[in-house]
Amino acid sequence: MFLGDRMTAYAAEKRYEELVRKALESRRIESTEGKERRRIGRVRFRRKAKTIERLVEQCAVK
């Protein structure tokens, strides 16, 4: 999946939250849920789309 550089921060945020939620639901890992939520709060989606894409990949690997 590629998040384009022109994607708005809002759209990137919604997409990332959806992927995180699906990953957590599929794995049923409650212990990492708080960790992911803190990470989402830190990023705040003001960085480049590549940074968000890297976080999505990290979440998918877990």
PDB file of N, CA and C in Angstrom:
ATOM      1  N   MET A   1       0.839  -1.191   0.000  1.00  0.00           N
ATOM      2  CA  MET A   1       0.000   0.000   0.000  1.00  0.00           C
ATOM      3  C   MET A   1       0.877   1.245   0.000  1.00  0.00           C
ATOM      4  N   PHE A   2       0.478   2.217  -0.793  1.00  0.00           N
ATOM      5  CA  PHE A   2       1.272   3.441  -0.872  1.00  0.00           C
ATOM      6  C   PHE A   2       0.403   4.637  -0.540  1.00  0.00           C
ATOM      7  N   LEU A   3       0.840   5.415   0.433  1.00  0.00           N
ATOM      8  CA  LEU A   3       0.136   6.649   0.761  1.00  0.00           C
ATOM      9  C   LEU A   3       0.805   7.784   0.006  1.00  0.00           C
ATOM     10  N   GLY A   4       0.064   8.369  -0.940  1.00  0.00           N
ATOM     11  CA  GLY A   4       0.640   9.422  -1.772  1.00  0.00           C
ATOM     12  C   GLY A   4       1.004  10.652  -0.966  1.00  0.00           C
ATOM     13  N   ASP A   5       1.994  11.389  -1.472  1.00  0.00           N
ATOM     14  CA  ASP A   5       2.421  12.603  -0.782  1.00  0.00           C
ATOM     15  C   ASP A   5       1.320  13.652  -0.760  1.00  0.00           C
ATOM     16  N   ARG A   6       0.401  13.571  -1.737  1.00  0.00           N
ATOM     17  CA  ARG A   6      -0.663  14.568  -1.823  1.00  0.00           C
ATOM     18  C   ARG A   6      -1.863  14.214  -0.952  1.00  0.00           C
ATOM     19  N   MET A   7      -1.846  13.046  -0.323  1.00  0.00           N
ATOM     20  CA  MET A   7      -2.968  12.663   0.537  1.00  0.00           C
ATOM     21  C   MET A   7      -3.050  13.622   1.725  1.00  0.00           C
ATOM     22  N   THR A   8      -4.250  14.020   2.051  1.00  0.00           N
ATOM     23  CA  THR A   8      -4.396  14.964   3.159  1.00  0.00           C
ATOM     24  C   THR A   8      -4.082  14.280   4.479  1.00  0.00           C
ATOM     25  N   ALA A   9      -3.736  15.076   5.466  1.00  0.00           N
ATOM     26  CA  ALA A   9      -3.427  14.518   6.783  1.00  0.00           C
ATOM     27  C   ALA A   9      -4.651  13.820   7.363  1.00  0.00           C
ATOM     28  N   TYR A  10      -5.822  14.382   7.109  1.00  0.00           N
ATOM     29  CA  TYR A  10      -7.050  13.778   7.647  1.00  0.00           C
ATOM     30  C   TYR A  10      -7.286  12.402   7.038  1.00  0.00           C
ATOM     31  N   ALA A  11      -7.146  12.290   5.727  1.00  0.00           N
ATOM     32  CA  ALA A  11      -7.357  11.007   5.062  1.00  0.00           C
ATOM     33  C   ALA A  11      -6.319   9.988   5.517  1.00  0.00           C
ATOM     34  N   ALA A  12      -5.076  10.431   5.668  1.00  0.00           N
ATOM     35  CA  ALA A  12      -4.022   9.526   6.125  1.00  0.00           C
ATOM     36  C   ALA A  12      -4.315   9.047   7.542  1.00  0.00           C
ATOM     37  N   GLU A  13      -4.813   9.963   8.379  1.00  0.00           N
ATOM     38  CA  GLU A  13      -5.139   9.595   9.757  1.00  0.00           C
ATOM     39  C   GLU A  13      -6.242   8.553   9.788  1.00  0.00           C
ATOM     40  N   LYS A  14      -7.300   8.764   9.006  1.00  0.00           N
ATOM     41  CA  LYS A  14      -8.414   7.816   8.989  1.00  0.00           C
ATOM     42  C   LYS A  14      -7.951   6.455   8.485  1.00  0.00           C
ATOM     43  N   ARG A  15      -7.138   6.440   7.441  1.00  0.00           N
ATOM     44  CA  ARG A  15      -6.643   5.187   6.871  1.00  0.00           C
ATOM     45  C   ARG A  15      -5.779   4.445   7.890  1.00  0.00           C
ATOM     46  N   TYR A  16      -4.893   5.188   8.572  1.00  0.00           N
ATOM     47  CA  TYR A  16      -4.001   4.562   9.540  1.00  0.00           C
ATOM     48  C   TYR A  16      -4.785   4.005  10.721  1.00  0.00           C
ATOM     49  N   GLU A  17      -5.750   4.783  11.223  1.00  0.00           N
ATOM     50  CA  GLU A  17      -6.560   4.303  12.343  1.00  0.00           C
ATOM     51  C   GLU A  17      -7.312   3.037  11.962  1.00  0.00           C
ATOM     52  N   GLU A  18      -7.814   2.992  10.731  1.00  0.00           N
ATOM     53  CA  GLU A  18      -8.543   1.809  10.270  1.00  0.00           C
ATOM     54  C   GLU A  18      -7.626   0.588  10.237  1.00  0.00           C
ATOM     55  N   LEU A  19      -6.418   0.768   9.719  1.00  0.00           N
ATOM     56  CA  LEU A  19      -5.479  -0.351   9.638  1.00  0.00           C
ATOM     57  C   LEU A  19      -5.055  -0.821  11.029  1.00  0.00           C
ATOM     58  N   VAL A  20      -4.821   0.122  11.928  1.00  0.00           N
ATOM     59  CA  VAL A  20      -4.435  -0.250  13.292  1.00  0.00           C
ATOM     60  C   VAL A  20      -5.562  -1.022  13.960  1.00  0.00           C
ATOM     61  N   ARG A  21      -6.795  -0.533  13.790  1.00  0.00           N
ATOM     62  CA  ARG A  21      -7.947  -1.188  14.411  1.00  0.00           C
ATOM     63  C   ARG A  21      -8.117  -2.610  13.866  1.00  0.00           C
ATOM     64  N   LYS A  22      -7.986  -2.767  12.547  1.00  0.00           N
ATOM     65  CA  LYS A  22      -8.131  -4.100  11.958  1.00  0.00           C
ATOM     66  C   LYS A  22      -7.036  -5.041  12.448  1.00  0.00           C
ATOM     67  N   ALA A  23      -5.812  -4.518  12.538  1.00  0.00           N
ATOM     68  CA  ALA A  23      -4.702  -5.353  12.994  1.00  0.00           C
ATOM     69  C   ALA A  23      -4.927  -5.795  14.438  1.00  0.00           C
ATOM     70  N   LEU A  24      -5.385  -4.870  15.271  1.00  0.00           N
ATOM     71  CA  LEU A  24      -5.616  -5.212  16.672  1.00  0.00           C
ATOM     72  C   LEU A  24      -6.771  -6.192  16.809  1.00  0.00           C
ATOM     73  N   GLU A  25      -7.824  -5.999  16.020  1.00  0.00           N
ATOM     74  CA  GLU A  25      -8.966  -6.901  16.112  1.00  0.00           C
ATOM     75  C   GLU A  25      -8.599  -8.297  15.626  1.00  0.00           C
ATOM     76  N   SER A  26      -7.809  -8.366  14.552  1.00  0.00           N
ATOM     77  CA  SER A  26      -7.470  -9.677  13.997  1.00  0.00           C
ATOM     78  C   SER A  26      -6.553 -10.451  14.939  1.00  0.00           C
ATOM     79  N   ARG A  27      -5.660  -9.748  15.620  1.00  0.00           N
ATOM     80  CA  ARG A  27      -4.706 -10.415  16.510  1.00  0.00           C
ATOM     81  C   ARG A  27      -5.218 -10.515  17.941  1.00  0.00           C
ATOM     82  N   ARG A  28      -6.182  -9.666  18.288  1.00  0.00           N
ATOM     83  CA  ARG A  28      -6.702  -9.636  19.663  1.00  0.00           C
ATOM     84  C   ARG A  28      -5.578  -9.403  20.665  1.00  0.00           C
ATOM     85  N   ILE A  29      -4.762  -8.402  20.389  1.00  0.00           N
ATOM     86  CA  ILE A  29      -3.653  -8.085  21.291  1.00  0.00           C
ATOM     87  C   ILE A  29      -4.042  -6.846  22.090  1.00  0.00           C
ATOM     88  N   GLU A  30      -4.593  -7.065  23.273  1.00  0.00           N
ATOM     89  CA  GLU A  30      -5.004  -5.932  24.082  1.00  0.00           C
ATOM     90  C   GLU A  30      -3.803  -5.206  24.686  1.00  0.00           C
ATOM     91  N   SER A  31      -2.706  -5.919  24.910  1.00  0.00           N
ATOM     92  CA  SER A  31      -1.560  -5.320  25.581  1.00  0.00           C
ATOM     93  C   SER A  31      -0.914  -4.236  24.725  1.00  0.00           C
ATOM     94  N   THR A  32      -0.974  -4.379  23.393  1.00  0.00           N
ATOM     95  CA  THR A  32      -0.335  -3.389  22.526  1.00  0.00           C
ATOM     96  C   THR A  32      -1.300  -2.295  22.107  1.00  0.00           C
ATOM     97  N   GLU A  33      -2.577  -2.430  22.471  1.00  0.00           N
ATOM     98  CA  GLU A  33      -3.554  -1.436  22.026  1.00  0.00           C
ATOM     99  C   GLU A  33      -3.216  -0.049  22.568  1.00  0.00           C
ATOM    100  N   GLY A  34      -2.894   0.027  23.858  1.00  0.00           N
ATOM    101  CA  GLY A  34      -2.527   1.311  24.438  1.00  0.00           C
ATOM    102  C   GLY A  34      -1.266   1.877  23.815  1.00  0.00           C
ATOM    103  N   LYS A  35      -0.321   0.995  23.508  1.00  0.00           N
ATOM    104  CA  LYS A  35       0.929   1.419  22.888  1.00  0.00           C
ATOM    105  C   LYS A  35       0.664   2.051  21.524  1.00  0.00           C
ATOM    106  N   GLU A  36      -0.191   1.397  20.722  1.00  0.00           N
ATOM    107  CA  GLU A  36      -0.514   1.938  19.401  1.00  0.00           C
ATOM    108  C   GLU A  36      -1.240   3.270  19.533  1.00  0.00           C
ATOM    109  N   ARG A  37      -2.123   3.366  20.526  1.00  0.00           N
ATOM    110  CA  ARG A  37      -2.885   4.600  20.706  1.00  0.00           C
ATOM    111  C   ARG A  37      -1.952   5.753  21.059  1.00  0.00           C
ATOM    112  N   ARG A  38      -0.942   5.486  21.921  1.00  0.00           N
ATOM    113  CA  ARG A  38       0.022   6.532  22.264  1.00  0.00           C
ATOM    114  C   ARG A  38       0.830   6.930  21.040  1.00  0.00           C
ATOM    115  N   ARG A  39       1.213   5.938  20.239  1.00  0.00           N
ATOM    116  CA  ARG A  39       1.993   6.229  19.040  1.00  0.00           C
ATOM    117  C   ARG A  39       1.192   7.109  18.087  1.00  0.00           C
ATOM    118  N   ILE A  40      -0.106   6.797  17.942  1.00  0.00           N
ATOM    119  CA  ILE A  40      -0.956   7.608  17.075  1.00  0.00           C
ATOM    120  C   ILE A  40      -1.005   9.043  17.594  1.00  0.00           C
ATOM    121  N   GLY A  41      -1.118   9.196  18.911  1.00  0.00           N
ATOM    122  CA  GLY A  41      -1.176  10.532  19.484  1.00  0.00           C
ATOM    123  C   GLY A  41       0.107  11.310  19.266  1.00  0.00           C
ATOM    124  N   ARG A  42       1.253  10.623  19.344  1.00  0.00           N
ATOM    125  CA  ARG A  42       2.536  11.299  19.147  1.00  0.00           C
ATOM    126  C   ARG A  42       2.705  11.769  17.716  1.00  0.00           C
ATOM    127  N   VAL A  43       2.357  10.913  16.778  1.00  0.00           N
ATOM    128  CA  VAL A  43       2.602  11.245  15.374  1.00  0.00           C
ATOM    129  C   VAL A  43       1.729  12.418  14.942  1.00  0.00           C
ATOM    130  N   ARG A  44       0.442  12.353  15.279  1.00  0.00           N
ATOM    131  CA  ARG A  44      -0.518  13.408  14.963  1.00  0.00           C
ATOM    132  C   ARG A  44      -0.613  13.687  13.475  1.00  0.00           C
ATOM    133  N   PHE A  45       0.000  12.848  12.663  1.00  0.00           N
ATOM    134  CA  PHE A  45      -0.169  12.879  11.215  1.00  0.00           C
ATOM    135  C   PHE A  45       0.217  14.213  10.598  1.00  0.00           C
ATOM    136  N   ARG A  46       1.215  14.865  11.194  1.00  0.00           N
ATOM    137  CA  ARG A  46       1.725  16.104  10.600  1.00  0.00           C
ATOM    138  C   ARG A  46       3.030  15.845   9.860  1.00  0.00           C
ATOM    139  N   ARG A  47       3.527  14.613   9.965  1.00  0.00           N
ATOM    140  CA  ARG A  47       4.770  14.269   9.275  1.00  0.00           C
ATOM    141  C   ARG A  47       4.458  13.791   7.876  1.00  0.00           C
ATOM    142  N   LYS A  48       5.486  13.442   7.138  1.00  0.00           N
ATOM    143  CA  LYS A  48       5.292  13.003   5.757  1.00  0.00           C
ATOM    144  C   LYS A  48       4.541  11.685   5.700  1.00  0.00           C
ATOM    145  N   ALA A  49       3.928  11.425   4.563  1.00  0.00           N
ATOM    146  CA  ALA A  49       3.155  10.195   4.383  1.00  0.00           C
ATOM    147  C   ALA A  49       4.048   8.971   4.518  1.00  0.00           C
ATOM    148  N   LYS A  50       5.324   9.104   4.187  1.00  0.00           N
ATOM    149  CA  LYS A  50       6.233   7.956   4.291  1.00  0.00           C
ATOM    150  C   LYS A  50       6.394   7.523   5.743  1.00  0.00           C
ATOM    151  N   THR A  51       6.400   8.471   6.665  1.00  0.00           N
ATOM    152  CA  THR A  51       6.503   8.131   8.082  1.00  0.00           C
ATOM    153  C   THR A  51       5.281   7.354   8.521  1.00  0.00           C
ATOM    154  N   ILE A  52       4.097   7.797   8.085  1.00  0.00           N
ATOM    155  CA  ILE A  52       2.860   7.091   8.428  1.00  0.00           C
ATOM    156  C   ILE A  52       2.882   5.700   7.810  1.00  0.00           C
ATOM    157  N   GLU A  53       3.350   5.619   6.559  1.00  0.00           N
ATOM    158  CA  GLU A  53       3.413   4.328   5.886  1.00  0.00           C
ATOM    159  C   GLU A  53       4.323   3.369   6.655  1.00  0.00           C
ATOM    160  N   ARG A  54       5.449   3.878   7.184  1.00  0.00           N
ATOM    161  CA  ARG A  54       6.366   3.035   7.946  1.00  0.00           C
ATOM    162  C   ARG A  54       5.690   2.517   9.214  1.00  0.00           C
ATOM    163  N   LEU A  55       4.916   3.373   9.887  1.00  0.00           N
ATOM    164  CA  LEU A  55       4.209   2.943  11.087  1.00  0.00           C
ATOM    165  C   LEU A  55       3.171   1.884  10.756  1.00  0.00           C
ATOM    166  N   VAL A  56       2.500   2.048   9.617  1.00  0.00           N
ATOM    167  CA  VAL A  56       1.508   1.057   9.198  1.00  0.00           C
ATOM    168  C   VAL A  56       2.191  -0.283   8.974  1.00  0.00           C
ATOM    169  N   GLU A  57       3.355  -0.267   8.333  1.00  0.00           N
ATOM    170  CA  GLU A  57       4.085  -1.509   8.087  1.00  0.00           C
ATOM    171  C   GLU A  57       4.527  -2.147   9.404  1.00  0.00           C
ATOM    172  N   GLN A  58       4.975  -1.352  10.346  1.00  0.00           N
ATOM    173  CA  GLN A  58       5.380  -1.888  11.648  1.00  0.00           C
ATOM    174  C   GLN A  58       4.200  -2.546  12.344  1.00  0.00           C
ATOM    175  N   CYS A  59       3.031  -1.900  12.246  1.00  0.00           N
ATOM    176  CA  CYS A  59       1.843  -2.446  12.905  1.00  0.00           C
ATOM    177  C   CYS A  59       1.427  -3.744  12.228  1.00  0.00           C
ATOM    178  N   ALA A  60       1.541  -3.800  10.902  1.00  0.00           N
ATOM    179  CA  ALA A  60       1.124  -4.987  10.160  1.00  0.00           C
ATOM    180  C   ALA A  60       2.045  -6.169  10.466  1.00  0.00           C
ATOM    181  N   VAL A  61       3.322  -5.890  10.728  1.00  0.00           N
ATOM    182  CA  VAL A  61       4.281  -6.964  10.990  1.00  0.00           C
ATOM    183  C   VAL A  61       3.993  -7.630  12.325  1.00  0.00           C
ATOM    184  N   LYS A  62       3.567  -6.847  13.324  1.00  0.00           N
ATOM    185  CA  LYS A  62       3.362  -7.389  14.672  1.00  0.00           C
ATOM    186  C   LYS A  62       2.287  -8.450  14.697  1.00  0.00           C
TER     187      LYS A  62
END
